[in-house]
Amino acid sequence: MMKSISAWKVIQVVILCALFLVPLGCRSYDQMGETAAEGHRRHRRTLRLNRQGMMEDLDSFMLLDRPSKLTDKRIP
């Protein structure tokens, strides 16, 4: 008797493959009119800006972007 594979498992496998295999195909940094070094620099800058944006979103989600209301003074 064969086990049936649920649709959820198939979806998880497809998503994992997409997350790991898609970035491997994007290795052409240069565009027409720019050198490979310029394309690589542009690509790194885009990744850095995306990472900063994600960190800002996470900070605001976890309420870490607001100043603390705690005092540094000892209250009796």
N, C-alpha and C. Protein backbone atom coordinates (compact mmCIF):
# COMPACT_ATOMS: atom_id res chain seq x y z
N MET A 1 0.84 -1.17 0.00
CA MET A 1 0.00 0.00 0.00
C MET A 1 0.89 1.25 0.00
N MET A 2 0.63 2.16 -0.93
CA MET A 2 1.43 3.37 -1.05
C MET A 2 0.84 4.48 -0.18
N LYS A 3 1.74 5.27 0.36
CA LYS A 3 1.31 6.44 1.12
C LYS A 3 0.96 7.56 0.16
N SER A 4 -0.07 8.28 0.48
CA SER A 4 -0.43 9.42 -0.37
C SER A 4 0.28 10.67 0.15
N ILE A 5 0.74 11.49 -0.76
CA ILE A 5 1.43 12.73 -0.41
C ILE A 5 0.40 13.85 -0.43
N SER A 6 0.35 14.60 0.66
CA SER A 6 -0.63 15.67 0.74
C SER A 6 -0.21 16.84 -0.16
N ALA A 7 -1.18 17.61 -0.54
CA ALA A 7 -0.91 18.77 -1.40
C ALA A 7 -0.05 19.79 -0.66
N TRP A 8 -0.21 19.88 0.65
CA TRP A 8 0.57 20.83 1.44
C TRP A 8 2.05 20.49 1.38
N LYS A 9 2.39 19.21 1.44
CA LYS A 9 3.79 18.79 1.34
C LYS A 9 4.37 19.16 -0.02
N VAL A 10 3.60 18.97 -1.07
CA VAL A 10 4.06 19.31 -2.42
C VAL A 10 4.30 20.81 -2.53
N ILE A 11 3.41 21.61 -1.96
CA ILE A 11 3.57 23.06 -2.00
C ILE A 11 4.81 23.48 -1.23
N GLN A 12 5.07 22.85 -0.08
CA GLN A 12 6.27 23.17 0.69
C GLN A 12 7.53 22.86 -0.09
N VAL A 13 7.56 21.74 -0.77
CA VAL A 13 8.73 21.35 -1.56
C VAL A 13 8.95 22.34 -2.70
N VAL A 14 7.90 22.74 -3.37
CA VAL A 14 8.01 23.69 -4.48
C VAL A 14 8.53 25.04 -3.98
N ILE A 15 8.02 25.50 -2.84
CA ILE A 15 8.47 26.78 -2.29
C ILE A 15 9.94 26.71 -1.90
N LEU A 16 10.35 25.62 -1.24
CA LEU A 16 11.75 25.48 -0.85
C LEU A 16 12.67 25.43 -2.07
N CYS A 17 12.25 24.72 -3.11
CA CYS A 17 13.07 24.67 -4.33
C CYS A 17 13.18 26.05 -4.96
N ALA A 18 12.08 26.79 -4.96
CA ALA A 18 12.11 28.13 -5.54
C ALA A 18 13.02 29.06 -4.75
N LEU A 19 12.99 28.94 -3.43
CA LEU A 19 13.82 29.81 -2.60
C LEU A 19 15.30 29.52 -2.77
N PHE A 20 15.67 28.27 -2.99
CA PHE A 20 17.08 27.92 -3.07
C PHE A 20 17.63 27.89 -4.49
N LEU A 21 16.81 27.61 -5.46
CA LEU A 21 17.32 27.45 -6.81
C LEU A 21 17.21 28.71 -7.66
N VAL A 22 16.22 29.55 -7.40
CA VAL A 22 16.03 30.75 -8.22
C VAL A 22 17.20 31.72 -8.09
N PRO A 23 17.70 32.00 -6.86
CA PRO A 23 18.83 32.94 -6.77
C PRO A 23 20.09 32.45 -7.47
N LEU A 24 20.23 31.16 -7.67
CA LEU A 24 21.43 30.65 -8.33
C LEU A 24 21.48 31.02 -9.81
N GLY A 25 20.35 31.30 -10.41
CA GLY A 25 20.32 31.61 -11.83
C GLY A 25 20.58 33.08 -12.13
N CYS A 26 20.65 33.93 -11.15
CA CYS A 26 20.80 35.37 -11.35
C CYS A 26 22.26 35.77 -11.14
N ARG A 27 23.13 35.32 -11.97
CA ARG A 27 24.54 35.63 -11.81
C ARG A 27 25.06 36.61 -12.86
N SER A 28 24.21 37.13 -13.70
CA SER A 28 24.64 38.11 -14.67
C SER A 28 24.39 39.50 -14.09
N TYR A 29 25.46 40.15 -13.62
CA TYR A 29 25.31 41.44 -12.96
C TYR A 29 25.27 42.59 -13.94
N ASP A 30 25.97 42.48 -15.04
CA ASP A 30 26.12 43.62 -15.92
C ASP A 30 24.94 43.76 -16.87
N GLN A 31 24.65 45.01 -17.20
CA GLN A 31 23.65 45.33 -18.19
C GLN A 31 24.36 46.05 -19.33
N MET A 32 23.62 46.34 -20.36
CA MET A 32 24.21 47.00 -21.50
C MET A 32 24.70 48.39 -21.10
N GLY A 33 25.94 48.71 -21.38
CA GLY A 33 26.48 50.02 -21.07
C GLY A 33 27.19 50.12 -19.74
N GLU A 34 27.29 49.02 -18.99
CA GLU A 34 28.03 49.07 -17.74
C GLU A 34 28.96 47.87 -17.65
N THR A 35 30.03 48.05 -16.92
CA THR A 35 31.00 46.97 -16.78
C THR A 35 30.49 45.95 -15.77
N ALA A 36 31.16 44.81 -15.71
CA ALA A 36 30.77 43.77 -14.77
C ALA A 36 30.94 44.26 -13.33
N ALA A 37 31.98 45.06 -13.06
CA ALA A 37 32.19 45.59 -11.72
C ALA A 37 31.05 46.53 -11.32
N GLU A 38 30.60 47.37 -12.25
CA GLU A 38 29.49 48.27 -11.96
C GLU A 38 28.21 47.49 -11.70
N GLY A 39 27.98 46.46 -12.49
CA GLY A 39 26.79 45.62 -12.28
C GLY A 39 26.84 44.91 -10.95
N HIS A 40 28.02 44.40 -10.58
CA HIS A 40 28.18 43.73 -9.30
C HIS A 40 27.95 44.71 -8.15
N ARG A 41 28.46 45.93 -8.28
CA ARG A 41 28.26 46.97 -7.26
C ARG A 41 26.78 47.33 -7.13
N ARG A 42 26.09 47.45 -8.25
CA ARG A 42 24.66 47.76 -8.24
C ARG A 42 23.87 46.64 -7.57
N HIS A 43 24.25 45.41 -7.88
CA HIS A 43 23.57 44.25 -7.30
C HIS A 43 23.78 44.19 -5.78
N ARG A 44 25.01 44.42 -5.33
CA ARG A 44 25.29 44.42 -3.89
C ARG A 44 24.54 45.54 -3.18
N ARG A 45 24.45 46.72 -3.82
CA ARG A 45 23.73 47.84 -3.22
C ARG A 45 22.25 47.52 -3.08
N THR A 46 21.67 46.90 -4.10
CA THR A 46 20.26 46.52 -4.04
C THR A 46 20.01 45.52 -2.92
N LEU A 47 20.88 44.52 -2.80
CA LEU A 47 20.73 43.54 -1.73
C LEU A 47 20.87 44.20 -0.35
N ARG A 48 21.81 45.14 -0.22
CA ARG A 48 22.00 45.84 1.06
C ARG A 48 20.78 46.67 1.42
N LEU A 49 20.23 47.39 0.44
CA LEU A 49 19.04 48.20 0.70
C LEU A 49 17.83 47.34 1.05
N ASN A 50 17.69 46.20 0.38
CA ASN A 50 16.59 45.29 0.70
C ASN A 50 16.74 44.74 2.11
N ARG A 51 17.96 44.40 2.49
CA ARG A 51 18.21 43.87 3.83
C ARG A 51 17.91 44.94 4.89
N GLN A 52 18.30 46.19 4.63
CA GLN A 52 18.01 47.28 5.56
C GLN A 52 16.50 47.50 5.70
N GLY A 53 15.80 47.41 4.58
CA GLY A 53 14.34 47.57 4.63
C GLY A 53 13.68 46.46 5.42
N MET A 54 14.16 45.23 5.25
CA MET A 54 13.60 44.12 6.02
C MET A 54 13.86 44.31 7.51
N MET A 55 15.06 44.78 7.87
CA MET A 55 15.38 44.99 9.28
C MET A 55 14.52 46.11 9.87
N GLU A 56 14.26 47.16 9.10
CA GLU A 56 13.38 48.23 9.57
C GLU A 56 11.97 47.71 9.80
N ASP A 57 11.49 46.87 8.88
CA ASP A 57 10.16 46.29 9.04
C ASP A 57 10.09 45.40 10.27
N LEU A 58 11.12 44.58 10.49
CA LEU A 58 11.14 43.72 11.67
C LEU A 58 11.21 44.54 12.96
N ASP A 59 12.01 45.59 12.95
CA ASP A 59 12.10 46.45 14.14
C ASP A 59 10.75 47.09 14.45
N SER A 60 10.06 47.57 13.44
CA SER A 60 8.76 48.20 13.70
C SER A 60 7.73 47.15 14.12
N PHE A 61 7.82 45.93 13.60
CA PHE A 61 6.89 44.86 13.98
C PHE A 61 7.10 44.48 15.45
N MET A 62 8.36 44.42 15.88
CA MET A 62 8.67 44.03 17.25
C MET A 62 8.74 45.25 18.19
N LEU A 63 8.34 46.41 17.69
CA LEU A 63 8.29 47.66 18.46
C LEU A 63 9.66 48.05 19.00
N LEU A 64 10.71 47.76 18.26
CA LEU A 64 12.06 48.12 18.68
C LEU A 64 12.49 49.48 18.11
N ASP A 65 11.67 50.09 17.29
CA ASP A 65 12.04 51.36 16.68
C ASP A 65 11.60 52.56 17.52
N ARG A 66 10.90 52.30 18.61
CA ARG A 66 10.43 53.39 19.47
C ARG A 66 11.35 53.52 20.67
N PRO A 67 11.52 54.73 21.19
CA PRO A 67 12.37 54.88 22.38
C PRO A 67 11.73 54.23 23.60
N SER A 68 12.56 53.77 24.49
CA SER A 68 12.08 53.13 25.71
C SER A 68 11.53 54.19 26.66
N LYS A 69 10.48 53.87 27.34
CA LYS A 69 9.89 54.77 28.33
C LYS A 69 10.46 54.49 29.71
N LEU A 70 11.41 53.57 29.80
CA LEU A 70 12.00 53.24 31.09
C LEU A 70 13.00 54.32 31.48
N THR A 71 13.11 54.57 32.75
CA THR A 71 14.02 55.58 33.24
C THR A 71 15.34 54.93 33.66
N ASP A 72 16.40 55.68 33.56
CA ASP A 72 17.68 55.17 34.04
C ASP A 72 17.93 55.60 35.49
N LYS A 73 17.00 56.34 36.06
CA LYS A 73 17.10 56.78 37.45
C LYS A 73 16.41 55.76 38.37
N ARG A 74 16.93 55.64 39.57
CA ARG A 74 16.33 54.73 40.52
C ARG A 74 15.18 55.45 41.25
N ILE A 75 14.03 54.85 41.24
CA ILE A 75 12.86 55.44 41.89
C ILE A 75 12.62 54.70 43.20
N PRO A 76 12.55 55.44 44.37
CA PRO A 76 12.38 54.75 45.67
C PRO A 76 11.01 54.15 45.84
